[in-house]
């Protein structure tokens, strides 16, 4: 939630301004947390809800759809190819490589 507040939302505000936009998180456990879902419902103009529990099938998107999960099906492969072209000896080195690779991805992608 801190990353969203500090990075994602300011970026969205800068790029989308008054235009409508919709946020979709991935299927990681932290993304499904009730607290995270509540935070998104309060801070996003719209977001695509995930199932908060396997017994509570109340999501609005299929978990394995390439069209609805561009980070899982496209962006991560680009980041991995660029950032992991050589081995990293530290987590900080990997972080720097990921940030550099992210910055090199065009908006068109």
PDB file of N, CA and C in Angstrom:
ATOM      1  N   UNK A   1       0.823  -1.182   0.000  1.00  0.00           N
ATOM      2  CA  UNK A   1       0.000   0.000   0.000  1.00  0.00           C
ATOM      3  C   UNK A   1       0.870   1.250   0.000  1.00  0.00           C
ATOM      4  N   UNK A   2       2.013   1.188   0.701  1.00  0.00           N
ATOM      5  CA  UNK A   2       2.926   2.332   0.689  1.00  0.00           C
ATOM      6  C   UNK A   2       3.446   2.595  -0.726  1.00  0.00           C
ATOM      7  N   UNK A   3       3.796   1.527  -1.442  1.00  0.00           N
ATOM      8  CA  UNK A   3       4.306   1.675  -2.813  1.00  0.00           C
ATOM      9  C   UNK A   3       3.234   2.296  -3.706  1.00  0.00           C
ATOM     10  N   UNK A   4       2.006   1.857  -3.530  1.00  0.00           N
ATOM     11  CA  UNK A   4       0.921   2.433  -4.325  1.00  0.00           C
ATOM     12  C   UNK A   4       0.780   3.924  -4.042  1.00  0.00           C
ATOM     13  N   UNK A   5       0.762   4.281  -2.758  1.00  0.00           N
ATOM     14  CA  UNK A   5       0.595   5.689  -2.367  1.00  0.00           C
ATOM     15  C   UNK A   5       1.760   6.560  -2.815  1.00  0.00           C
ATOM     16  N   UNK A   6       2.979   6.023  -2.683  1.00  0.00           N
ATOM     17  CA  UNK A   6       4.171   6.824  -2.964  1.00  0.00           C
ATOM     18  C   UNK A   6       4.555   6.843  -4.438  1.00  0.00           C
ATOM     19  N   UNK A   7       4.220   5.785  -5.187  1.00  0.00           N
ATOM     20  CA  UNK A   7       4.696   5.687  -6.569  1.00  0.00           C
ATOM     21  C   UNK A   7       3.584   5.533  -7.607  1.00  0.00           C
ATOM     22  N   UNK A   8       2.728   4.545  -7.416  1.00  0.00           N
ATOM     23  CA  UNK A   8       1.720   4.237  -8.426  1.00  0.00           C
ATOM     24  C   UNK A   8       0.683   5.339  -8.580  1.00  0.00           C
ATOM     25  N   UNK A   9       0.091   5.767  -7.487  1.00  0.00           N
ATOM     26  CA  UNK A   9      -0.963   6.774  -7.580  1.00  0.00           C
ATOM     27  C   UNK A   9      -0.439   8.112  -8.113  1.00  0.00           C
ATOM     28  N   UNK A  10       0.735   8.600  -7.664  1.00  0.00           N
ATOM     29  CA  UNK A  10       1.260   9.834  -8.270  1.00  0.00           C
ATOM     30  C   UNK A  10       1.531   9.671  -9.773  1.00  0.00           C
ATOM     31  N   UNK A  11       2.050   8.494 -10.178  1.00  0.00           N
ATOM     32  CA  UNK A  11       2.291   8.240 -11.592  1.00  0.00           C
ATOM     33  C   UNK A  11       0.971   8.274 -12.364  1.00  0.00           C
ATOM     34  N   UNK A  12      -0.049   7.604 -11.836  1.00  0.00           N
ATOM     35  CA  UNK A  12      -1.358   7.568 -12.492  1.00  0.00           C
ATOM     36  C   UNK A  12      -1.940   8.973 -12.596  1.00  0.00           C
ATOM     37  N   UNK A  13      -1.813   9.757 -11.545  1.00  0.00           N
ATOM     38  CA  UNK A  13      -2.319  11.133 -11.554  1.00  0.00           C
ATOM     39  C   UNK A  13      -1.621  11.950 -12.638  1.00  0.00           C
ATOM     40  N   UNK A  14      -0.312  11.781 -12.754  1.00  0.00           N
ATOM     41  CA  UNK A  14       0.464  12.515 -13.748  1.00  0.00           C
ATOM     42  C   UNK A  14       0.074  12.099 -15.172  1.00  0.00           C
ATOM     43  N   UNK A  15      -0.121  10.816 -15.393  1.00  0.00           N
ATOM     44  CA  UNK A  15      -0.369  10.324 -16.747  1.00  0.00           C
ATOM     45  C   UNK A  15      -1.843  10.354 -17.163  1.00  0.00           C
ATOM     46  N   UNK A  16      -2.743  10.122 -16.227  1.00  0.00           N
ATOM     47  CA  UNK A  16      -4.153  10.040 -16.573  1.00  0.00           C
ATOM     48  C   UNK A  16      -4.932  11.307 -16.240  1.00  0.00           C
ATOM     49  N   UNK A  17      -4.371  12.123 -15.362  1.00  0.00           N
ATOM     50  CA  UNK A  17      -5.010  13.364 -14.917  1.00  0.00           C
ATOM     51  C   UNK A  17      -6.476  13.130 -14.550  1.00  0.00           C
ATOM     52  N   UNK A  18      -7.387  13.734 -15.274  1.00  0.00           N
ATOM     53  CA  UNK A  18      -8.806  13.602 -14.948  1.00  0.00           C
ATOM     54  C   UNK A  18      -9.482  12.434 -15.669  1.00  0.00           C
ATOM     55  N   UNK A  19      -8.721  11.682 -16.445  1.00  0.00           N
ATOM     56  CA  UNK A  19      -9.296  10.546 -17.165  1.00  0.00           C
ATOM     57  C   UNK A  19      -9.575   9.397 -16.199  1.00  0.00           C
ATOM     58  N   UNK A  20     -10.562   8.605 -16.553  1.00  0.00           N
ATOM     59  CA  UNK A  20     -10.894   7.430 -15.763  1.00  0.00           C
ATOM     60  C   UNK A  20      -9.803   6.386 -15.962  1.00  0.00           C
ATOM     61  N   UNK A  21      -9.438   5.695 -14.893  1.00  0.00           N
ATOM     62  CA  UNK A  21      -8.508   4.577 -14.992  1.00  0.00           C
ATOM     63  C   UNK A  21      -8.911   3.524 -13.982  1.00  0.00           C
ATOM     64  N   UNK A  22      -8.469   2.321 -14.239  1.00  0.00           N
ATOM     65  CA  UNK A  22      -8.827   1.184 -13.395  1.00  0.00           C
ATOM     66  C   UNK A  22      -7.559   0.460 -12.988  1.00  0.00           C
ATOM     67  N   UNK A  23      -7.439   0.095 -11.733  1.00  0.00           N
ATOM     68  CA  UNK A  23      -6.262  -0.594 -11.215  1.00  0.00           C
ATOM     69  C   UNK A  23      -6.564  -2.065 -11.019  1.00  0.00           C
ATOM     70  N   UNK A  24      -5.622  -2.907 -11.429  1.00  0.00           N
ATOM     71  CA  UNK A  24      -5.753  -4.341 -11.172  1.00  0.00           C
ATOM     72  C   UNK A  24      -4.478  -4.839 -10.531  1.00  0.00           C
ATOM     73  N   UNK A  25      -4.604  -5.433  -9.387  1.00  0.00           N
ATOM     74  CA  UNK A  25      -3.467  -6.028  -8.706  1.00  0.00           C
ATOM     75  C   UNK A  25      -3.317  -7.477  -9.152  1.00  0.00           C
ATOM     76  N   UNK A  26      -2.181  -8.078  -8.822  1.00  0.00           N
ATOM     77  CA  UNK A  26      -1.961  -9.474  -9.156  1.00  0.00           C
ATOM     78  C   UNK A  26      -2.606 -10.389  -8.126  1.00  0.00           C
ATOM     79  N   UNK A  27      -2.327 -11.654  -8.242  1.00  0.00           N
ATOM     80  CA  UNK A  27      -2.950 -12.633  -7.361  1.00  0.00           C
ATOM     81  C   UNK A  27      -2.116 -13.015  -6.152  1.00  0.00           C
ATOM     82  N   UNK A  28      -1.071 -12.255  -5.837  1.00  0.00           N
ATOM     83  CA  UNK A  28      -0.248 -12.555  -4.671  1.00  0.00           C
ATOM     84  C   UNK A  28      -1.091 -12.453  -3.396  1.00  0.00           C
ATOM     85  N   UNK A  29      -0.779 -13.245  -2.390  1.00  0.00           N
ATOM     86  CA  UNK A  29      -1.573 -13.239  -1.152  1.00  0.00           C
ATOM     87  C   UNK A  29      -1.770 -11.843  -0.544  1.00  0.00           C
ATOM     88  N   UNK A  30      -0.739 -11.028  -0.541  1.00  0.00           N
ATOM     89  CA  UNK A  30      -0.859  -9.682   0.013  1.00  0.00           C
ATOM     90  C   UNK A  30      -1.827  -8.806  -0.764  1.00  0.00           C
ATOM     91  N   UNK A  31      -1.958  -9.085  -2.063  1.00  0.00           N
ATOM     92  CA  UNK A  31      -2.883  -8.314  -2.893  1.00  0.00           C
ATOM     93  C   UNK A  31      -4.329  -8.682  -2.599  1.00  0.00           C
ATOM     94  N   UNK A  32      -4.531  -9.897  -2.122  1.00  0.00           N
ATOM     95  CA  UNK A  32      -5.874 -10.389  -1.842  1.00  0.00           C
ATOM     96  C   UNK A  32      -6.356 -10.038  -0.440  1.00  0.00           C
ATOM     97  N   UNK A  33      -5.472  -9.524   0.376  1.00  0.00           N
ATOM     98  CA  UNK A  33      -5.829  -9.230   1.764  1.00  0.00           C
ATOM     99  C   UNK A  33      -7.010  -8.267   1.837  1.00  0.00           C
ATOM    100  N   UNK A  34      -7.877  -8.496   2.783  1.00  0.00           N
ATOM    101  CA  UNK A  34      -9.052  -7.645   2.956  1.00  0.00           C
ATOM    102  C   UNK A  34      -8.632  -6.189   3.158  1.00  0.00           C
ATOM    103  N   UNK A  35      -7.566  -5.973   3.927  1.00  0.00           N
ATOM    104  CA  UNK A  35      -7.061  -4.612   4.166  1.00  0.00           C
ATOM    105  C   UNK A  35      -6.630  -3.961   2.841  1.00  0.00           C
ATOM    106  N   UNK A  36      -5.980  -4.709   1.971  1.00  0.00           N
ATOM    107  CA  UNK A  36      -5.554  -4.177   0.678  1.00  0.00           C
ATOM    108  C   UNK A  36      -6.756  -3.861  -0.201  1.00  0.00           C
ATOM    109  N   UNK A  37      -7.722  -4.765  -0.231  1.00  0.00           N
ATOM    110  CA  UNK A  37      -8.931  -4.539  -1.019  1.00  0.00           C
ATOM    111  C   UNK A  37      -9.671  -3.290  -0.542  1.00  0.00           C
ATOM    112  N   UNK A  38      -9.743  -3.105   0.767  1.00  0.00           N
ATOM    113  CA  UNK A  38     -10.394  -1.924   1.344  1.00  0.00           C
ATOM    114  C   UNK A  38      -9.639  -0.658   0.954  1.00  0.00           C
ATOM    115  N   UNK A  39      -8.302  -0.709   1.056  1.00  0.00           N
ATOM    116  CA  UNK A  39      -7.457   0.426   0.694  1.00  0.00           C
ATOM    117  C   UNK A  39      -7.703   0.821  -0.766  1.00  0.00           C
ATOM    118  N   UNK A  40      -7.739  -0.164  -1.655  1.00  0.00           N
ATOM    119  CA  UNK A  40      -7.956   0.124  -3.073  1.00  0.00           C
ATOM    120  C   UNK A  40      -9.341   0.702  -3.326  1.00  0.00           C
ATOM    121  N   UNK A  41     -10.344   0.167  -2.647  1.00  0.00           N
ATOM    122  CA  UNK A  41     -11.695   0.690  -2.864  1.00  0.00           C
ATOM    123  C   UNK A  41     -11.813   2.140  -2.405  1.00  0.00           C
ATOM    124  N   UNK A  42     -10.989   2.545  -1.443  1.00  0.00           N
ATOM    125  CA  UNK A  42     -11.026   3.914  -0.930  1.00  0.00           C
ATOM    126  C   UNK A  42     -10.128   4.875  -1.701  1.00  0.00           C
ATOM    127  N   UNK A  43      -9.114   4.338  -2.424  1.00  0.00           N
ATOM    128  CA  UNK A  43      -8.102   5.207  -3.022  1.00  0.00           C
ATOM    129  C   UNK A  43      -8.010   5.163  -4.537  1.00  0.00           C
ATOM    130  N   UNK A  44      -8.723   4.282  -5.188  1.00  0.00           N
ATOM    131  CA  UNK A  44      -8.687   4.188  -6.646  1.00  0.00           C
ATOM    132  C   UNK A  44     -10.032   4.612  -7.218  1.00  0.00           C
ATOM    133  N   UNK A  45     -10.004   5.245  -8.393  1.00  0.00           N
ATOM    134  CA  UNK A  45     -11.281   5.571  -9.010  1.00  0.00           C
ATOM    135  C   UNK A  45     -12.067   4.294  -9.327  1.00  0.00           C
ATOM    136  N   UNK A  46     -11.340   3.228  -9.610  1.00  0.00           N
ATOM    137  CA  UNK A  46     -11.941   1.915  -9.851  1.00  0.00           C
ATOM    138  C   UNK A  46     -10.825   0.887  -9.724  1.00  0.00           C
ATOM    139  N   UNK A  47     -11.166  -0.305  -9.310  1.00  0.00           N
ATOM    140  CA  UNK A  47     -10.184  -1.374  -9.290  1.00  0.00           C
ATOM    141  C   UNK A  47     -10.892  -2.694  -9.504  1.00  0.00           C
ATOM    142  N   UNK A  48     -10.130  -3.677  -9.982  1.00  0.00           N
ATOM    143  CA  UNK A  48     -10.701  -4.985 -10.265  1.00  0.00           C
ATOM    144  C   UNK A  48     -10.429  -5.870  -9.056  1.00  0.00           C
ATOM    145  N   UNK A  49     -11.482  -6.228  -8.383  1.00  0.00           N
ATOM    146  CA  UNK A  49     -11.416  -6.962  -7.118  1.00  0.00           C
ATOM    147  C   UNK A  49     -10.977  -8.419  -7.331  1.00  0.00           C
ATOM    148  N   UNK A  50     -10.158  -8.915  -6.400  1.00  0.00           N
ATOM    149  CA  UNK A  50      -9.751 -10.325  -6.420  1.00  0.00           C
ATOM    150  C   UNK A  50     -10.515 -11.073  -5.340  1.00  0.00           C
ATOM    151  N   UNK A  51     -10.529 -12.395  -5.438  1.00  0.00           N
ATOM    152  CA  UNK A  51     -11.121 -13.202  -4.374  1.00  0.00           C
ATOM    153  C   UNK A  51     -10.295 -13.005  -3.112  1.00  0.00           C
ATOM    154  N   UNK A  52     -10.932 -12.686  -2.014  1.00  0.00           N
ATOM    155  CA  UNK A  52     -10.214 -12.513  -0.755  1.00  0.00           C
ATOM    156  C   UNK A  52      -9.973 -13.844  -0.059  1.00  0.00           C
ATOM    157  N   UNK A  53     -10.685 -14.875  -0.486  1.00  0.00           N
ATOM    158  CA  UNK A  53     -10.521 -16.210   0.096  1.00  0.00           C
ATOM    159  C   UNK A  53     -11.106 -17.213  -0.887  1.00  0.00           C
ATOM    160  N   UNK A  54     -10.558 -18.422  -0.923  1.00  0.00           N
ATOM    161  CA  UNK A  54     -11.055 -19.408  -1.885  1.00  0.00           C
ATOM    162  C   UNK A  54     -12.519 -19.759  -1.657  1.00  0.00           C
ATOM    163  N   UNK A  55     -13.002 -19.544  -0.444  1.00  0.00           N
ATOM    164  CA  UNK A  55     -14.418 -19.796  -0.161  1.00  0.00           C
ATOM    165  C   UNK A  55     -15.308 -18.608  -0.513  1.00  0.00           C
ATOM    166  N   UNK A  56     -14.695 -17.501  -0.857  1.00  0.00           N
ATOM    167  CA  UNK A  56     -15.438 -16.269  -1.158  1.00  0.00           C
ATOM    168  C   UNK A  56     -15.143 -15.874  -2.602  1.00  0.00           C
ATOM    169  N   UNK A  57     -15.790 -16.507  -3.542  1.00  0.00           N
ATOM    170  CA  UNK A  57     -15.556 -16.246  -4.964  1.00  0.00           C
ATOM    171  C   UNK A  57     -16.311 -14.989  -5.394  1.00  0.00           C
ATOM    172  N   UNK A  58     -15.780 -13.848  -5.004  1.00  0.00           N
ATOM    173  CA  UNK A  58     -16.437 -12.583  -5.326  1.00  0.00           C
ATOM    174  C   UNK A  58     -15.586 -11.688  -6.218  1.00  0.00           C
ATOM    175  N   UNK A  59     -14.625 -12.286  -6.899  1.00  0.00           N
ATOM    176  CA  UNK A  59     -13.740 -11.474  -7.732  1.00  0.00           C
ATOM    177  C   UNK A  59     -14.437 -11.028  -9.004  1.00  0.00           C
ATOM    178  N   UNK A  60     -13.802 -10.080  -9.676  1.00  0.00           N
ATOM    179  CA  UNK A  60     -14.345  -9.531 -10.911  1.00  0.00           C
ATOM    180  C   UNK A  60     -13.485  -9.871 -12.126  1.00  0.00           C
ATOM    181  N   UNK A  61     -12.448 -10.651 -11.940  1.00  0.00           N
ATOM    182  CA  UNK A  61     -11.586 -10.993 -13.063  1.00  0.00           C
ATOM    183  C   UNK A  61     -11.061 -12.413 -12.931  1.00  0.00           C
ATOM    184  N   UNK A  62     -10.846 -13.087 -14.076  1.00  0.00           N
ATOM    185  CA  UNK A  62     -10.289 -14.440 -14.036  1.00  0.00           C
ATOM    186  C   UNK A  62      -8.798 -14.382 -13.725  1.00  0.00           C
ATOM    187  N   UNK A  63      -8.297 -15.260 -12.869  1.00  0.00           N
ATOM    188  CA  UNK A  63      -6.912 -15.172 -12.426  1.00  0.00           C
ATOM    189  C   UNK A  63      -5.865 -15.543 -13.477  1.00  0.00           C
ATOM    190  N   UNK A  64      -6.235 -16.189 -14.556  1.00  0.00           N
ATOM    191  CA  UNK A  64      -5.239 -16.628 -15.534  1.00  0.00           C
ATOM    192  C   UNK A  64      -5.488 -16.050 -16.916  1.00  0.00           C
ATOM    193  N   UNK A  65      -5.937 -14.841 -16.985  1.00  0.00           N
ATOM    194  CA  UNK A  65      -6.225 -14.219 -18.268  1.00  0.00           C
ATOM    195  C   UNK A  65      -5.074 -13.324 -18.708  1.00  0.00           C
ATOM    196  N   UNK A  66      -4.391 -13.665 -19.822  1.00  0.00           N
ATOM    197  CA  UNK A  66      -3.302 -12.800 -20.302  1.00  0.00           C
ATOM    198  C   UNK A  66      -3.768 -11.389 -20.625  1.00  0.00           C
ATOM    199  N   UNK A  67      -5.020 -11.246 -21.077  1.00  0.00           N
ATOM    200  CA  UNK A  67      -5.528  -9.919 -21.412  1.00  0.00           C
ATOM    201  C   UNK A  67      -5.710  -9.041 -20.183  1.00  0.00           C
ATOM    202  N   UNK A  68      -6.012  -9.654 -19.048  1.00  0.00           N
ATOM    203  CA  UNK A  68      -6.267  -8.875 -17.843  1.00  0.00           C
ATOM    204  C   UNK A  68      -5.089  -8.852 -16.875  1.00  0.00           C
ATOM    205  N   UNK A  69      -4.048  -9.582 -17.186  1.00  0.00           N
ATOM    206  CA  UNK A  69      -2.877  -9.647 -16.311  1.00  0.00           C
ATOM    207  C   UNK A  69      -1.597  -9.330 -17.080  1.00  0.00           C
ATOM    208  N   UNK A  70      -1.488  -8.130 -17.652  1.00  0.00           N
ATOM    209  CA  UNK A  70      -0.311  -7.834 -18.467  1.00  0.00           C
ATOM    210  C   UNK A  70       1.005  -7.918 -17.697  1.00  0.00           C
ATOM    211  N   UNK A  71       0.991  -7.603 -16.394  1.00  0.00           N
ATOM    212  CA  UNK A  71       2.239  -7.727 -15.635  1.00  0.00           C
ATOM    213  C   UNK A  71       2.703  -9.171 -15.576  1.00  0.00           C
ATOM    214  N   UNK A  72       1.776 -10.097 -15.333  1.00  0.00           N
ATOM    215  CA  UNK A  72       2.145 -11.502 -15.223  1.00  0.00           C
ATOM    216  C   UNK A  72       2.552 -12.101 -16.566  1.00  0.00           C
ATOM    217  N   UNK A  73       1.911 -11.669 -17.651  1.00  0.00           N
ATOM    218  CA  UNK A  73       2.114 -12.319 -18.933  1.00  0.00           C
ATOM    219  C   UNK A  73       3.009 -11.565 -19.896  1.00  0.00           C
ATOM    220  N   UNK A  74       3.330 -10.332 -19.643  1.00  0.00           N
ATOM    221  CA  UNK A  74       4.150  -9.574 -20.582  1.00  0.00           C
ATOM    222  C   UNK A  74       5.283  -8.828 -19.879  1.00  0.00           C
ATOM    223  N   UNK A  75       4.932  -7.965 -18.950  1.00  0.00           N
ATOM    224  CA  UNK A  75       5.938  -7.081 -18.367  1.00  0.00           C
ATOM    225  C   UNK A  75       7.001  -7.845 -17.583  1.00  0.00           C
ATOM    226  N   UNK A  76       6.582  -8.841 -16.788  1.00  0.00           N
ATOM    227  CA  UNK A  76       7.586  -9.579 -16.012  1.00  0.00           C
ATOM    228  C   UNK A  76       8.591 -10.280 -16.914  1.00  0.00           C
ATOM    229  N   UNK A  77       8.146 -10.812 -18.053  1.00  0.00           N
ATOM    230  CA  UNK A  77       9.092 -11.483 -18.950  1.00  0.00           C
ATOM    231  C   UNK A  77      10.080 -10.491 -19.542  1.00  0.00           C
ATOM    232  N   UNK A  78       9.616  -9.271 -19.839  1.00  0.00           N
ATOM    233  CA  UNK A  78      10.515  -8.234 -20.344  1.00  0.00           C
ATOM    234  C   UNK A  78      11.527  -7.856 -19.263  1.00  0.00           C
ATOM    235  N   UNK A  79      11.029  -7.639 -18.044  1.00  0.00           N
ATOM    236  CA  UNK A  79      11.928  -7.286 -16.944  1.00  0.00           C
ATOM    237  C   UNK A  79      12.946  -8.389 -16.677  1.00  0.00           C
ATOM    238  N   UNK A  80      12.470  -9.621 -16.670  1.00  0.00           N
ATOM    239  CA  UNK A  80      13.377 -10.745 -16.408  1.00  0.00           C
ATOM    240  C   UNK A  80      14.457 -10.838 -17.479  1.00  0.00           C
ATOM    241  N   UNK A  81      14.060 -10.703 -18.733  1.00  0.00           N
ATOM    242  CA  UNK A  81      15.035 -10.791 -19.826  1.00  0.00           C
ATOM    243  C   UNK A  81      16.101  -9.713 -19.713  1.00  0.00           C
ATOM    244  N   UNK A  82      15.674  -8.492 -19.413  1.00  0.00           N
ATOM    245  CA  UNK A  82      16.623  -7.375 -19.337  1.00  0.00           C
ATOM    246  C   UNK A  82      17.438  -7.396 -18.045  1.00  0.00           C
ATOM    247  N   UNK A  83      16.766  -7.579 -16.919  1.00  0.00           N
ATOM    248  CA  UNK A  83      17.433  -7.447 -15.622  1.00  0.00           C
ATOM    249  C   UNK A  83      18.244  -8.682 -15.247  1.00  0.00           C
ATOM    250  N   UNK A  84      17.887  -9.823 -15.781  1.00  0.00           N
ATOM    251  CA  UNK A  84      18.560 -11.059 -15.380  1.00  0.00           C
ATOM    252  C   UNK A  84      19.439 -11.621 -16.487  1.00  0.00           C
ATOM    253  N   UNK A  85      19.842 -10.769 -17.408  1.00  0.00           N
ATOM    254  CA  UNK A  85      20.728 -11.211 -18.478  1.00  0.00           C
ATOM    255  C   UNK A  85      22.065 -11.682 -17.902  1.00  0.00           C
ATOM    256  N   UNK A  86      22.417 -11.133 -16.758  1.00  0.00           N
ATOM    257  CA  UNK A  86      23.631 -11.580 -16.047  1.00  0.00           C
ATOM    258  C   UNK A  86      23.261 -11.825 -14.592  1.00  0.00           C
ATOM    259  N   UNK A  87      23.975 -12.721 -13.929  1.00  0.00           N
ATOM    260  CA  UNK A  87      23.663 -13.011 -12.525  1.00  0.00           C
ATOM    261  C   UNK A  87      23.970 -11.807 -11.618  1.00  0.00           C
ATOM    262  N   UNK A  88      23.230 -11.716 -10.541  1.00  0.00           N
ATOM    263  CA  UNK A  88      23.435 -10.645  -9.568  1.00  0.00           C
ATOM    264  C   UNK A  88      23.946 -11.255  -8.267  1.00  0.00           C
ATOM    265  N   UNK A  89      24.902 -10.587  -7.680  1.00  0.00           N
ATOM    266  CA  UNK A  89      25.488 -11.098  -6.438  1.00  0.00           C
ATOM    267  C   UNK A  89      24.797 -10.560  -5.195  1.00  0.00           C
ATOM    268  N   UNK A  90      23.995  -9.500  -5.369  1.00  0.00           N
ATOM    269  CA  UNK A  90      23.282  -8.934  -4.230  1.00  0.00           C
ATOM    270  C   UNK A  90      21.848  -8.592  -4.637  1.00  0.00           C
ATOM    271  N   UNK A  91      20.999  -8.480  -3.655  1.00  0.00           N
ATOM    272  CA  UNK A  91      19.621  -8.072  -3.903  1.00  0.00           C
ATOM    273  C   UNK A  91      19.602  -6.635  -4.432  1.00  0.00           C
ATOM    274  N   UNK A  92      20.472  -5.790  -3.908  1.00  0.00           N
ATOM    275  CA  UNK A  92      20.528  -4.398  -4.360  1.00  0.00           C
ATOM    276  C   UNK A  92      20.895  -4.307  -5.834  1.00  0.00           C
ATOM    277  N   UNK A  93      21.792  -5.145  -6.283  1.00  0.00           N
ATOM    278  CA  UNK A  93      22.162  -5.173  -7.700  1.00  0.00           C
ATOM    279  C   UNK A  93      20.960  -5.560  -8.558  1.00  0.00           C
ATOM    280  N   UNK A  94      20.219  -6.560  -8.111  1.00  0.00           N
ATOM    281  CA  UNK A  94      19.017  -6.981  -8.834  1.00  0.00           C
ATOM    282  C   UNK A  94      17.978  -5.860  -8.842  1.00  0.00           C
ATOM    283  N   UNK A  95      17.790  -5.196  -7.713  1.00  0.00           N
ATOM    284  CA  UNK A  95      16.840  -4.082  -7.651  1.00  0.00           C
ATOM    285  C   UNK A  95      17.206  -2.984  -8.644  1.00  0.00           C
ATOM    286  N   UNK A  96      18.484  -2.626  -8.670  1.00  0.00           N
ATOM    287  CA  UNK A  96      18.935  -1.578  -9.605  1.00  0.00           C
ATOM    288  C   UNK A  96      18.683  -2.002 -11.050  1.00  0.00           C
ATOM    289  N   UNK A  97      18.965  -3.259 -11.356  1.00  0.00           N
ATOM    290  CA  UNK A  97      18.753  -3.758 -12.716  1.00  0.00           C
ATOM    291  C   UNK A  97      17.274  -3.757 -13.075  1.00  0.00           C
ATOM    292  N   UNK A  98      16.409  -4.116 -12.134  1.00  0.00           N
ATOM    293  CA  UNK A  98      14.970  -4.106 -12.393  1.00  0.00           C
ATOM    294  C   UNK A  98      14.450  -2.688 -12.624  1.00  0.00           C
ATOM    295  N   UNK A  99      14.916  -1.754 -11.819  1.00  0.00           N
ATOM    296  CA  UNK A  99      14.494  -0.356 -11.982  1.00  0.00           C
ATOM    297  C   UNK A  99      14.966   0.175 -13.339  1.00  0.00           C
ATOM    298  N   UNK A 100      16.197  -0.136 -13.700  1.00  0.00           N
ATOM    299  CA  UNK A 100      16.720   0.293 -15.004  1.00  0.00           C
ATOM    300  C   UNK A 100      15.899  -0.324 -16.129  1.00  0.00           C
ATOM    301  N   UNK A 101      15.616  -1.615 -16.037  1.00  0.00           N
ATOM    302  CA  UNK A 101      14.822  -2.298 -17.066  1.00  0.00           C
ATOM    303  C   UNK A 101      13.418  -1.703 -17.137  1.00  0.00           C
ATOM    304  N   UNK A 102      12.813  -1.424 -15.990  1.00  0.00           N
ATOM    305  CA  UNK A 102      11.467  -0.822 -15.955  1.00  0.00           C
ATOM    306  C   UNK A 102      11.475   0.528 -16.664  1.00  0.00           C
ATOM    307  N   UNK A 103      12.497   1.336 -16.372  1.00  0.00           N
ATOM    308  CA  UNK A 103      12.582   2.674 -16.974  1.00  0.00           C
ATOM    309  C   UNK A 103      12.764   2.612 -18.488  1.00  0.00           C
ATOM    310  N   UNK A 104      13.298   1.509 -18.997  1.00  0.00           N
ATOM    311  CA  UNK A 104      13.530   1.348 -20.431  1.00  0.00           C
ATOM    312  C   UNK A 104      12.309   0.842 -21.194  1.00  0.00           C
ATOM    313  N   UNK A 105      11.282   0.383 -20.478  1.00  0.00           N
ATOM    314  CA  UNK A 105      10.073  -0.104 -21.144  1.00  0.00           C
ATOM    315  C   UNK A 105       9.280   1.098 -21.636  1.00  0.00           C
ATOM    316  N   UNK A 106       8.923   1.079 -22.898  1.00  0.00           N
ATOM    317  CA  UNK A 106       8.192   2.202 -23.464  1.00  0.00           C
ATOM    318  C   UNK A 106       6.736   2.182 -23.005  1.00  0.00           C
ATOM    319  N   UNK A 107       6.104   3.335 -22.996  1.00  0.00           N
ATOM    320  CA  UNK A 107       4.705   3.438 -22.630  1.00  0.00           C
ATOM    321  C   UNK A 107       3.850   2.630 -23.617  1.00  0.00           C
ATOM    322  N   UNK A 108       4.267   2.577 -24.869  1.00  0.00           N
ATOM    323  CA  UNK A 108       3.529   1.805 -25.878  1.00  0.00           C
ATOM    324  C   UNK A 108       3.473   0.326 -25.542  1.00  0.00           C
ATOM    325  N   UNK A 109       4.531  -0.187 -24.905  1.00  0.00           N
ATOM    326  CA  UNK A 109       4.541  -1.595 -24.521  1.00  0.00           C
ATOM    327  C   UNK A 109       3.464  -1.842 -23.500  1.00  0.00           C
TER     328      UNK A 109
END
